[in-house]
Amino acid sequence: MRQVSISEAKNRLCELIDGLASGPVTITNRGKVVAQLTPPARKSGDEREADLIRRGKLLPPRRTSTREQRRATLAEPGVKLPEGTRSVIEYLIAERREGR
């Protein structure tokens, strides 16, 4: 661990930050430790995602549903899809082909 004085840290801050990969830097004032420069802790993917959601930069994932639940949520309330139709899109394409 390197030790530098406050005045040296002030004059060489960019260089010290660039060198953090080789280890933390201790800053002293008249021989007394007053601060330590360390690289930021790496976050896992889940922590990073949670942080982005908390800050409002990312929407939380939607709950995964079964095929039948998806069909029910895509169709208008009260409208039943014909048997054999796998999705609302498939139903709409079939209607368009028939000219309705």
PDB file of N, CA and C in Angstrom:
ATOM      1  N   MET A   1       0.848  -1.170   0.000  1.00  0.00           N
ATOM      2  CA  MET A   1       0.000   0.000   0.000  1.00  0.00           C
ATOM      3  C   MET A   1       0.894   1.234   0.000  1.00  0.00           C
ATOM      4  N   ARG A   2       0.616   2.134  -0.936  1.00  0.00           N
ATOM      5  CA  ARG A   2       1.421   3.356  -1.026  1.00  0.00           C
ATOM      6  C   ARG A   2       0.885   4.417  -0.070  1.00  0.00           C
ATOM      7  N   GLN A   3       1.790   5.235   0.421  1.00  0.00           N
ATOM      8  CA  GLN A   3       1.415   6.365   1.263  1.00  0.00           C
ATOM      9  C   GLN A   3       1.892   7.644   0.601  1.00  0.00           C
ATOM     10  N   VAL A   4       0.993   8.646   0.552  1.00  0.00           N
ATOM     11  CA  VAL A   4       1.352   9.949   0.009  1.00  0.00           C
ATOM     12  C   VAL A   4       0.807  11.022   0.934  1.00  0.00           C
ATOM     13  N   SER A   5       1.472  12.184   0.913  1.00  0.00           N
ATOM     14  CA  SER A   5       0.989  13.306   1.723  1.00  0.00           C
ATOM     15  C   SER A   5      -0.196  13.974   1.017  1.00  0.00           C
ATOM     16  N   ILE A   6      -0.928  14.805   1.758  1.00  0.00           N
ATOM     17  CA  ILE A   6      -2.072  15.511   1.182  1.00  0.00           C
ATOM     18  C   ILE A   6      -1.635  16.368   0.001  1.00  0.00           C
ATOM     19  N   SER A   7      -0.539  17.104   0.156  1.00  0.00           N
ATOM     20  CA  SER A   7      -0.100  17.985  -0.937  1.00  0.00           C
ATOM     21  C   SER A   7       0.289  17.177  -2.167  1.00  0.00           C
ATOM     22  N   GLU A   8       0.940  16.026  -1.968  1.00  0.00           N
ATOM     23  CA  GLU A   8       1.293  15.166  -3.094  1.00  0.00           C
ATOM     24  C   GLU A   8       0.034  14.586  -3.735  1.00  0.00           C
ATOM     25  N   ALA A   9      -0.934  14.187  -2.924  1.00  0.00           N
ATOM     26  CA  ALA A   9      -2.190  13.641  -3.446  1.00  0.00           C
ATOM     27  C   ALA A   9      -2.927  14.690  -4.271  1.00  0.00           C
ATOM     28  N   LYS A  10      -2.923  15.932  -3.787  1.00  0.00           N
ATOM     29  CA  LYS A  10      -3.589  17.020  -4.508  1.00  0.00           C
ATOM     30  C   LYS A  10      -2.925  17.249  -5.874  1.00  0.00           C
ATOM     31  N   ASN A  11      -1.622  17.216  -5.903  1.00  0.00           N
ATOM     32  CA  ASN A  11      -0.884  17.485  -7.136  1.00  0.00           C
ATOM     33  C   ASN A  11      -0.917  16.327  -8.123  1.00  0.00           C
ATOM     34  N   ARG A  12      -1.079  15.098  -7.625  1.00  0.00           N
ATOM     35  CA  ARG A  12      -1.004  13.912  -8.490  1.00  0.00           C
ATOM     36  C   ARG A  12      -2.276  13.066  -8.433  1.00  0.00           C
ATOM     37  N   LEU A  13      -3.423  13.690  -8.167  1.00  0.00           N
ATOM     38  CA  LEU A  13      -4.656  12.930  -7.957  1.00  0.00           C
ATOM     39  C   LEU A  13      -5.008  12.038  -9.148  1.00  0.00           C
ATOM     40  N   CYS A  14      -4.965  12.569 -10.357  1.00  0.00           N
ATOM     41  CA  CYS A  14      -5.311  11.758 -11.540  1.00  0.00           C
ATOM     42  C   CYS A  14      -4.401  10.541 -11.665  1.00  0.00           C
ATOM     43  N   GLU A  15      -3.118  10.738 -11.448  1.00  0.00           N
ATOM     44  CA  GLU A  15      -2.158   9.640 -11.523  1.00  0.00           C
ATOM     45  C   GLU A  15      -2.439   8.598 -10.439  1.00  0.00           C
ATOM     46  N   LEU A  16      -2.749   9.059  -9.234  1.00  0.00           N
ATOM     47  CA  LEU A  16      -3.062   8.129  -8.141  1.00  0.00           C
ATOM     48  C   LEU A  16      -4.326   7.325  -8.440  1.00  0.00           C
ATOM     49  N   ILE A  17      -5.340   7.978  -8.981  1.00  0.00           N
ATOM     50  CA  ILE A  17      -6.582   7.272  -9.318  1.00  0.00           C
ATOM     51  C   ILE A  17      -6.333   6.247 -10.409  1.00  0.00           C
ATOM     52  N   ASP A  18      -5.557   6.609 -11.423  1.00  0.00           N
ATOM     53  CA  ASP A  18      -5.231   5.665 -12.498  1.00  0.00           C
ATOM     54  C   ASP A  18      -4.464   4.453 -11.962  1.00  0.00           C
ATOM     55  N   GLY A  19      -3.664   4.643 -10.905  1.00  0.00           N
ATOM     56  CA  GLY A  19      -2.862   3.561 -10.352  1.00  0.00           C
ATOM     57  C   GLY A  19      -3.563   2.716  -9.307  1.00  0.00           C
ATOM     58  N   LEU A  20      -4.854   2.944  -9.082  1.00  0.00           N
ATOM     59  CA  LEU A  20      -5.572   2.177  -8.059  1.00  0.00           C
ATOM     60  C   LEU A  20      -5.652   0.689  -8.363  1.00  0.00           C
ATOM     61  N   ALA A  21      -5.480   0.312  -9.613  1.00  0.00           N
ATOM     62  CA  ALA A  21      -5.523  -1.107  -9.961  1.00  0.00           C
ATOM     63  C   ALA A  21      -4.404  -1.870  -9.262  1.00  0.00           C
ATOM     64  N   SER A  22      -3.298  -1.193  -8.963  1.00  0.00           N
ATOM     65  CA  SER A  22      -2.176  -1.860  -8.294  1.00  0.00           C
ATOM     66  C   SER A  22      -2.344  -1.886  -6.774  1.00  0.00           C
ATOM     67  N   GLY A  23      -3.374  -1.243  -6.266  1.00  0.00           N
ATOM     68  CA  GLY A  23      -3.637  -1.286  -4.822  1.00  0.00           C
ATOM     69  C   GLY A  23      -4.077   0.065  -4.291  1.00  0.00           C
ATOM     70  N   PRO A  24      -4.644   0.069  -3.075  1.00  0.00           N
ATOM     71  CA  PRO A  24      -5.123   1.318  -2.488  1.00  0.00           C
ATOM     72  C   PRO A  24      -3.980   2.266  -2.129  1.00  0.00           C
ATOM     73  N   VAL A  25      -4.337   3.552  -1.976  1.00  0.00           N
ATOM     74  CA  VAL A  25      -3.361   4.587  -1.627  1.00  0.00           C
ATOM     75  C   VAL A  25      -3.803   5.225  -0.316  1.00  0.00           C
ATOM     76  N   THR A  26      -2.886   5.314   0.642  1.00  0.00           N
ATOM     77  CA  THR A  26      -3.180   5.959   1.914  1.00  0.00           C
ATOM     78  C   THR A  26      -2.678   7.396   1.855  1.00  0.00           C
ATOM     79  N   ILE A  27      -3.527   8.329   2.283  1.00  0.00           N
ATOM     80  CA  ILE A  27      -3.159   9.749   2.282  1.00  0.00           C
ATOM     81  C   ILE A  27      -2.905  10.164   3.732  1.00  0.00           C
ATOM     82  N   THR A  28      -1.769  10.822   3.936  1.00  0.00           N
ATOM     83  CA  THR A  28      -1.394  11.228   5.291  1.00  0.00           C
ATOM     84  C   THR A  28      -1.292  12.749   5.405  1.00  0.00           C
ATOM     85  N   ASN A  29      -1.475  13.224   6.618  1.00  0.00           N
ATOM     86  CA  ASN A  29      -1.291  14.635   6.934  1.00  0.00           C
ATOM     87  C   ASN A  29      -0.357  14.693   8.138  1.00  0.00           C
ATOM     88  N   ARG A  30       0.864  15.170   7.884  1.00  0.00           N
ATOM     89  CA  ARG A  30       1.900  15.235   8.921  1.00  0.00           C
ATOM     90  C   ARG A  30       2.151  13.871   9.575  1.00  0.00           C
ATOM     91  N   GLY A  31       2.199  12.862   8.709  1.00  0.00           N
ATOM     92  CA  GLY A  31       2.511  11.519   9.172  1.00  0.00           C
ATOM     93  C   GLY A  31       1.325  10.737   9.720  1.00  0.00           C
ATOM     94  N   LYS A  32       0.166  11.343   9.814  1.00  0.00           N
ATOM     95  CA  LYS A  32      -1.032  10.698  10.352  1.00  0.00           C
ATOM     96  C   LYS A  32      -1.967  10.328   9.190  1.00  0.00           C
ATOM     97  N   VAL A  33      -2.470   9.118   9.194  1.00  0.00           N
ATOM     98  CA  VAL A  33      -3.371   8.658   8.132  1.00  0.00           C
ATOM     99  C   VAL A  33      -4.702   9.410   8.252  1.00  0.00           C
ATOM    100  N   VAL A  34      -5.124  10.051   7.122  1.00  0.00           N
ATOM    101  CA  VAL A  34      -6.387  10.800   7.137  1.00  0.00           C
ATOM    102  C   VAL A  34      -7.399  10.284   6.115  1.00  0.00           C
ATOM    103  N   ALA A  35      -6.939   9.557   5.113  1.00  0.00           N
ATOM    104  CA  ALA A  35      -7.856   9.047   4.093  1.00  0.00           C
ATOM    105  C   ALA A  35      -7.218   7.885   3.354  1.00  0.00           C
ATOM    106  N   GLN A  36      -8.070   7.163   2.626  1.00  0.00           N
ATOM    107  CA  GLN A  36      -7.575   6.061   1.813  1.00  0.00           C
ATOM    108  C   GLN A  36      -8.347   6.046   0.500  1.00  0.00           C
ATOM    109  N   LEU A  37      -7.627   5.999  -0.602  1.00  0.00           N
ATOM    110  CA  LEU A  37      -8.233   5.862  -1.925  1.00  0.00           C
ATOM    111  C   LEU A  37      -8.256   4.382  -2.281  1.00  0.00           C
ATOM    112  N   THR A  38      -9.450   3.875  -2.583  1.00  0.00           N
ATOM    113  CA  THR A  38      -9.594   2.478  -2.987  1.00  0.00           C
ATOM    114  C   THR A  38     -10.494   2.420  -4.211  1.00  0.00           C
ATOM    115  N   PRO A  39     -10.322   1.408  -5.055  1.00  0.00           N
ATOM    116  CA  PRO A  39     -11.225   1.277  -6.206  1.00  0.00           C
ATOM    117  C   PRO A  39     -12.623   0.911  -5.711  1.00  0.00           C
ATOM    118  N   PRO A  40     -13.665   1.256  -6.477  1.00  0.00           N
ATOM    119  CA  PRO A  40     -15.029   0.908  -6.050  1.00  0.00           C
ATOM    120  C   PRO A  40     -15.224  -0.601  -6.060  1.00  0.00           C
ATOM    121  N   ALA A  41     -16.074  -1.064  -5.169  1.00  0.00           N
ATOM    122  CA  ALA A  41     -16.375  -2.499  -5.105  1.00  0.00           C
ATOM    123  C   ALA A  41     -17.162  -2.887  -6.347  1.00  0.00           C
ATOM    124  N   ARG A  42     -16.811  -4.012  -6.918  1.00  0.00           N
ATOM    125  CA  ARG A  42     -17.529  -4.507  -8.100  1.00  0.00           C
ATOM    126  C   ARG A  42     -18.873  -5.057  -7.652  1.00  0.00           C
ATOM    127  N   LYS A  43     -19.926  -4.686  -8.373  1.00  0.00           N
ATOM    128  CA  LYS A  43     -21.258  -5.189  -8.054  1.00  0.00           C
ATOM    129  C   LYS A  43     -21.569  -6.365  -8.956  1.00  0.00           C
ATOM    130  N   SER A  44     -22.318  -7.313  -8.411  1.00  0.00           N
ATOM    131  CA  SER A  44     -22.763  -8.422  -9.243  1.00  0.00           C
ATOM    132  C   SER A  44     -23.867  -7.906 -10.157  1.00  0.00           C
ATOM    133  N   GLY A  45     -24.231  -8.692 -11.138  1.00  0.00           N
ATOM    134  CA  GLY A  45     -25.282  -8.295 -12.071  1.00  0.00           C
ATOM    135  C   GLY A  45     -26.597  -8.004 -11.369  1.00  0.00           C
ATOM    136  N   ASP A  46     -26.948  -8.835 -10.363  1.00  0.00           N
ATOM    137  CA  ASP A  46     -28.200  -8.633  -9.637  1.00  0.00           C
ATOM    138  C   ASP A  46     -28.172  -7.348  -8.824  1.00  0.00           C
ATOM    139  N   GLU A  47     -27.046  -7.055  -8.185  1.00  0.00           N
ATOM    140  CA  GLU A  47     -26.937  -5.816  -7.402  1.00  0.00           C
ATOM    141  C   GLU A  47     -27.005  -4.595  -8.309  1.00  0.00           C
ATOM    142  N   ARG A  48     -26.353  -4.680  -9.452  1.00  0.00           N
ATOM    143  CA  ARG A  48     -26.360  -3.572 -10.408  1.00  0.00           C
ATOM    144  C   ARG A  48     -27.777  -3.334 -10.922  1.00  0.00           C
ATOM    145  N   GLU A  49     -28.486  -4.422 -11.244  1.00  0.00           N
ATOM    146  CA  GLU A  49     -29.867  -4.306 -11.722  1.00  0.00           C
ATOM    147  C   GLU A  49     -30.773  -3.712 -10.647  1.00  0.00           C
ATOM    148  N   ALA A  50     -30.633  -4.169  -9.401  1.00  0.00           N
ATOM    149  CA  ALA A  50     -31.436  -3.637  -8.295  1.00  0.00           C
ATOM    150  C   ALA A  50     -31.162  -2.156  -8.090  1.00  0.00           C
ATOM    151  N   ASP A  51     -29.904  -1.761  -8.229  1.00  0.00           N
ATOM    152  CA  ASP A  51     -29.538  -0.351  -8.069  1.00  0.00           C
ATOM    153  C   ASP A  51     -30.180   0.495  -9.171  1.00  0.00           C
ATOM    154  N   LEU A  52     -30.158   0.018 -10.407  1.00  0.00           N
ATOM    155  CA  LEU A  52     -30.765   0.754 -11.517  1.00  0.00           C
ATOM    156  C   LEU A  52     -32.281   0.859 -11.347  1.00  0.00           C
ATOM    157  N   ILE A  53     -32.915  -0.203 -10.855  1.00  0.00           N
ATOM    158  CA  ILE A  53     -34.357  -0.174 -10.604  1.00  0.00           C
ATOM    159  C   ILE A  53     -34.672   0.838  -9.514  1.00  0.00           C
ATOM    160  N   ARG A  54     -33.878   0.823  -8.440  1.00  0.00           N
ATOM    161  CA  ARG A  54     -34.081   1.745  -7.320  1.00  0.00           C
ATOM    162  C   ARG A  54     -33.945   3.204  -7.757  1.00  0.00           C
ATOM    163  N   ARG A  55     -33.010   3.472  -8.690  1.00  0.00           N
ATOM    164  CA  ARG A  55     -32.795   4.840  -9.165  1.00  0.00           C
ATOM    165  C   ARG A  55     -33.764   5.235 -10.273  1.00  0.00           C
ATOM    166  N   GLY A  56     -34.625   4.308 -10.715  1.00  0.00           N
ATOM    167  CA  GLY A  56     -35.611   4.607 -11.740  1.00  0.00           C
ATOM    168  C   GLY A  56     -35.073   4.593 -13.148  1.00  0.00           C
ATOM    169  N   LYS A  57     -33.913   4.006 -13.354  1.00  0.00           N
ATOM    170  CA  LYS A  57     -33.295   3.950 -14.688  1.00  0.00           C
ATOM    171  C   LYS A  57     -33.677   2.679 -15.443  1.00  0.00           C
ATOM    172  N   LEU A  58     -34.274   1.721 -14.731  1.00  0.00           N
ATOM    173  CA  LEU A  58     -34.619   0.435 -15.321  1.00  0.00           C
ATOM    174  C   LEU A  58     -35.946  -0.014 -14.742  1.00  0.00           C
ATOM    175  N   LEU A  59     -36.817  -0.553 -15.599  1.00  0.00           N
ATOM    176  CA  LEU A  59     -38.080  -1.086 -15.115  1.00  0.00           C
ATOM    177  C   LEU A  59     -37.868  -2.513 -14.634  1.00  0.00           C
ATOM    178  N   PRO A  60     -38.526  -2.898 -13.545  1.00  0.00           N
ATOM    179  CA  PRO A  60     -38.373  -4.275 -13.078  1.00  0.00           C
ATOM    180  C   PRO A  60     -38.964  -5.242 -14.096  1.00  0.00           C
ATOM    181  N   PRO A  61     -38.440  -6.461 -14.163  1.00  0.00           N
ATOM    182  CA  PRO A  61     -38.952  -7.432 -15.132  1.00  0.00           C
ATOM    183  C   PRO A  61     -40.389  -7.817 -14.801  1.00  0.00           C
ATOM    184  N   ARG A  62     -41.148  -8.082 -15.855  1.00  0.00           N
ATOM    185  CA  ARG A  62     -42.520  -8.542 -15.643  1.00  0.00           C
ATOM    186  C   ARG A  62     -42.500  -9.998 -15.229  1.00  0.00           C
ATOM    187  N   ARG A  63     -43.522 -10.382 -14.483  1.00  0.00           N
ATOM    188  CA  ARG A  63     -43.619 -11.771 -14.034  1.00  0.00           C
ATOM    189  C   ARG A  63     -43.844 -12.678 -15.234  1.00  0.00           C
ATOM    190  N   THR A  64     -43.158 -13.775 -15.304  1.00  0.00           N
ATOM    191  CA  THR A  64     -43.340 -14.730 -16.386  1.00  0.00           C
ATOM    192  C   THR A  64     -44.658 -15.448 -16.177  1.00  0.00           C
ATOM    193  N   SER A  65     -45.423 -15.566 -17.241  1.00  0.00           N
ATOM    194  CA  SER A  65     -46.723 -16.219 -17.125  1.00  0.00           C
ATOM    195  C   SER A  65     -46.796 -17.398 -18.084  1.00  0.00           C
ATOM    196  N   THR A  66     -47.787 -18.214 -17.889  1.00  0.00           N
ATOM    197  CA  THR A  66     -47.979 -19.358 -18.769  1.00  0.00           C
ATOM    198  C   THR A  66     -48.619 -18.892 -20.065  1.00  0.00           C
ATOM    199  N   ARG A  67     -48.638 -19.748 -21.031  1.00  0.00           N
ATOM    200  CA  ARG A  67     -49.208 -19.408 -22.337  1.00  0.00           C
ATOM    201  C   ARG A  67     -50.686 -19.020 -22.207  1.00  0.00           C
ATOM    202  N   GLU A  68     -51.448 -19.761 -21.405  1.00  0.00           N
ATOM    203  CA  GLU A  68     -52.871 -19.447 -21.234  1.00  0.00           C
ATOM    204  C   GLU A  68     -53.067 -18.092 -20.563  1.00  0.00           C
ATOM    205  N   GLN A  69     -52.229 -17.770 -19.582  1.00  0.00           N
ATOM    206  CA  GLN A  69     -52.331 -16.462 -18.932  1.00  0.00           C
ATOM    207  C   GLN A  69     -52.014 -15.353 -19.926  1.00  0.00           C
ATOM    208  N   ARG A  70     -51.026 -15.571 -20.777  1.00  0.00           N
ATOM    209  CA  ARG A  70     -50.689 -14.565 -21.778  1.00  0.00           C
ATOM    210  C   ARG A  70     -51.841 -14.356 -22.744  1.00  0.00           C
ATOM    211  N   ARG A  71     -52.486 -15.452 -23.174  1.00  0.00           N
ATOM    212  CA  ARG A  71     -53.624 -15.330 -24.079  1.00  0.00           C
ATOM    213  C   ARG A  71     -54.739 -14.535 -23.420  1.00  0.00           C
ATOM    214  N   ALA A  72     -54.997 -14.793 -22.155  1.00  0.00           N
ATOM    215  CA  ALA A  72     -56.080 -14.112 -21.450  1.00  0.00           C
ATOM    216  C   ALA A  72     -55.776 -12.628 -21.277  1.00  0.00           C
ATOM    217  N   THR A  73     -54.523 -12.277 -21.010  1.00  0.00           N
ATOM    218  CA  THR A  73     -54.198 -10.867 -20.791  1.00  0.00           C
ATOM    219  C   THR A  73     -54.118 -10.096 -22.092  1.00  0.00           C
ATOM    220  N   LEU A  74     -53.824 -10.760 -23.214  1.00  0.00           N
ATOM    221  CA  LEU A  74     -53.727 -10.063 -24.490  1.00  0.00           C
ATOM    222  C   LEU A  74     -55.094  -9.815 -25.118  1.00  0.00           C
ATOM    223  N   ALA A  75     -56.035 -10.697 -24.862  1.00  0.00           N
ATOM    224  CA  ALA A  75     -57.365 -10.543 -25.437  1.00  0.00           C
ATOM    225  C   ALA A  75     -58.148  -9.496 -24.657  1.00  0.00           C
ATOM    226  N   GLU A  76     -59.108  -8.878 -25.325  1.00  0.00           N
ATOM    227  CA  GLU A  76     -59.962  -7.927 -24.625  1.00  0.00           C
ATOM    228  C   GLU A  76     -60.768  -8.674 -23.577  1.00  0.00           C
ATOM    229  N   PRO A  77     -61.115  -8.010 -22.481  1.00  0.00           N
ATOM    230  CA  PRO A  77     -61.924  -8.680 -21.454  1.00  0.00           C
ATOM    231  C   PRO A  77     -63.233  -9.182 -22.051  1.00  0.00           C
ATOM    232  N   GLY A  78     -63.558 -10.414 -21.768  1.00  0.00           N
ATOM    233  CA  GLY A  78     -64.808 -10.983 -22.242  1.00  0.00           C
ATOM    234  C   GLY A  78     -64.730 -11.586 -23.634  1.00  0.00           C
ATOM    235  N   VAL A  79     -63.657 -11.379 -24.366  1.00  0.00           N
ATOM    236  CA  VAL A  79     -63.526 -11.924 -25.721  1.00  0.00           C
ATOM    237  C   VAL A  79     -62.778 -13.245 -25.626  1.00  0.00           C
ATOM    238  N   LYS A  80     -63.401 -14.301 -26.140  1.00  0.00           N
ATOM    239  CA  LYS A  80     -62.768 -15.625 -26.137  1.00  0.00           C
ATOM    240  C   LYS A  80     -62.106 -15.855 -27.484  1.00  0.00           C
ATOM    241  N   LEU A  81     -60.886 -16.347 -27.448  1.00  0.00           N
ATOM    242  CA  LEU A  81     -60.203 -16.683 -28.697  1.00  0.00           C
ATOM    243  C   LEU A  81     -60.728 -18.022 -29.193  1.00  0.00           C
ATOM    244  N   PRO A  82     -60.903 -18.168 -30.512  1.00  0.00           N
ATOM    245  CA  PRO A  82     -61.374 -19.441 -31.049  1.00  0.00           C
ATOM    246  C   PRO A  82     -60.383 -20.564 -30.729  1.00  0.00           C
ATOM    247  N   GLU A  83     -60.920 -21.772 -30.594  1.00  0.00           N
ATOM    248  CA  GLU A  83     -60.064 -22.925 -30.333  1.00  0.00           C
ATOM    249  C   GLU A  83     -59.056 -23.072 -31.461  1.00  0.00           C
ATOM    250  N   GLY A  84     -57.874 -23.473 -31.136  1.00  0.00           N
ATOM    251  CA  GLY A  84     -56.827 -23.667 -32.123  1.00  0.00           C
ATOM    252  C   GLY A  84     -56.018 -22.406 -32.390  1.00  0.00           C
ATOM    253  N   THR A  85     -56.487 -21.256 -31.875  1.00  0.00           N
ATOM    254  CA  THR A  85     -55.738 -20.017 -32.031  1.00  0.00           C
ATOM    255  C   THR A  85     -54.741 -19.940 -30.886  1.00  0.00           C
ATOM    256  N   ARG A  86     -53.470 -19.803 -31.238  1.00  0.00           N
ATOM    257  CA  ARG A  86     -52.443 -19.814 -30.206  1.00  0.00           C
ATOM    258  C   ARG A  86     -52.201 -18.442 -29.603  1.00  0.00           C
ATOM    259  N   SER A  87     -52.459 -17.377 -30.344  1.00  0.00           N
ATOM    260  CA  SER A  87     -52.196 -16.045 -29.810  1.00  0.00           C
ATOM    261  C   SER A  87     -53.148 -15.035 -30.430  1.00  0.00           C
ATOM    262  N   VAL A  88     -53.229 -13.889 -29.821  1.00  0.00           N
ATOM    263  CA  VAL A  88     -54.062 -12.812 -30.329  1.00  0.00           C
ATOM    264  C   VAL A  88     -53.557 -12.370 -31.700  1.00  0.00           C
ATOM    265  N   ILE A  89     -52.250 -12.313 -31.863  1.00  0.00           N
ATOM    266  CA  ILE A  89     -51.661 -11.906 -33.146  1.00  0.00           C
ATOM    267  C   ILE A  89     -52.105 -12.866 -34.251  1.00  0.00           C
ATOM    268  N   GLU A  90     -52.034 -14.149 -33.962  1.00  0.00           N
ATOM    269  CA  GLU A  90     -52.447 -15.151 -34.940  1.00  0.00           C
ATOM    270  C   GLU A  90     -53.924 -14.956 -35.291  1.00  0.00           C
ATOM    271  N   TYR A  91     -54.747 -14.666 -34.314  1.00  0.00           N
ATOM    272  CA  TYR A  91     -56.172 -14.437 -34.515  1.00  0.00           C
ATOM    273  C   TYR A  91     -56.408 -13.210 -35.390  1.00  0.00           C
ATOM    274  N   LEU A  92     -55.689 -12.114 -35.113  1.00  0.00           N
ATOM    275  CA  LEU A  92     -55.844 -10.889 -35.888  1.00  0.00           C
ATOM    276  C   LEU A  92     -55.399 -11.057 -37.341  1.00  0.00           C
ATOM    277  N   ILE A  93     -54.323 -11.798 -37.541  1.00  0.00           N
ATOM    278  CA  ILE A  93     -53.845 -12.070 -38.909  1.00  0.00           C
ATOM    279  C   ILE A  93     -54.880 -12.883 -39.675  1.00  0.00           C
ATOM    280  N   ALA A  94     -55.477 -13.891 -39.023  1.00  0.00           N
ATOM    281  CA  ALA A  94     -56.508 -14.712 -39.669  1.00  0.00           C
ATOM    282  C   ALA A  94     -57.717 -13.853 -40.026  1.00  0.00           C
ATOM    283  N   GLU A  95     -58.117 -12.949 -39.133  1.00  0.00           N
ATOM    284  CA  GLU A  95     -59.245 -12.061 -39.418  1.00  0.00           C
ATOM    285  C   GLU A  95     -58.945 -11.156 -40.605  1.00  0.00           C
ATOM    286  N   ARG A  96     -57.761 -10.645 -40.662  1.00  0.00           N
ATOM    287  CA  ARG A  96     -57.391  -9.740 -41.760  1.00  0.00           C
ATOM    288  C   ARG A  96     -57.405 -10.481 -43.104  1.00  0.00           C
ATOM    289  N   ARG A  97     -56.941 -11.711 -43.097  1.00  0.00           N
ATOM    290  CA  ARG A  97     -56.940 -12.514 -44.329  1.00  0.00           C
ATOM    291  C   ARG A  97     -58.363 -12.762 -44.823  1.00  0.00           C
ATOM    292  N   GLU A  98     -59.289 -12.924 -43.853  1.00  0.00           N
ATOM    293  CA  GLU A  98     -60.692 -13.172 -44.211  1.00  0.00           C
ATOM    294  C   GLU A  98     -61.395 -11.880 -44.613  1.00  0.00           C
ATOM    295  N   GLY A  99     -60.767 -10.748 -44.424  1.00  0.00           N
ATOM    296  CA  GLY A  99     -61.345  -9.472 -44.829  1.00  0.00           C
ATOM    297  C   GLY A  99     -62.312  -8.881 -43.815  1.00  0.00           C
ATOM    298  N   ARG A 100     -62.227  -9.283 -42.573  1.00  0.00           N
ATOM    299  CA  ARG A 100     -63.091  -8.697 -41.541  1.00  0.00           C
ATOM    300  C   ARG A 100     -62.505  -7.477 -40.947  1.00  0.00           C
TER     301      ARG A 100
END
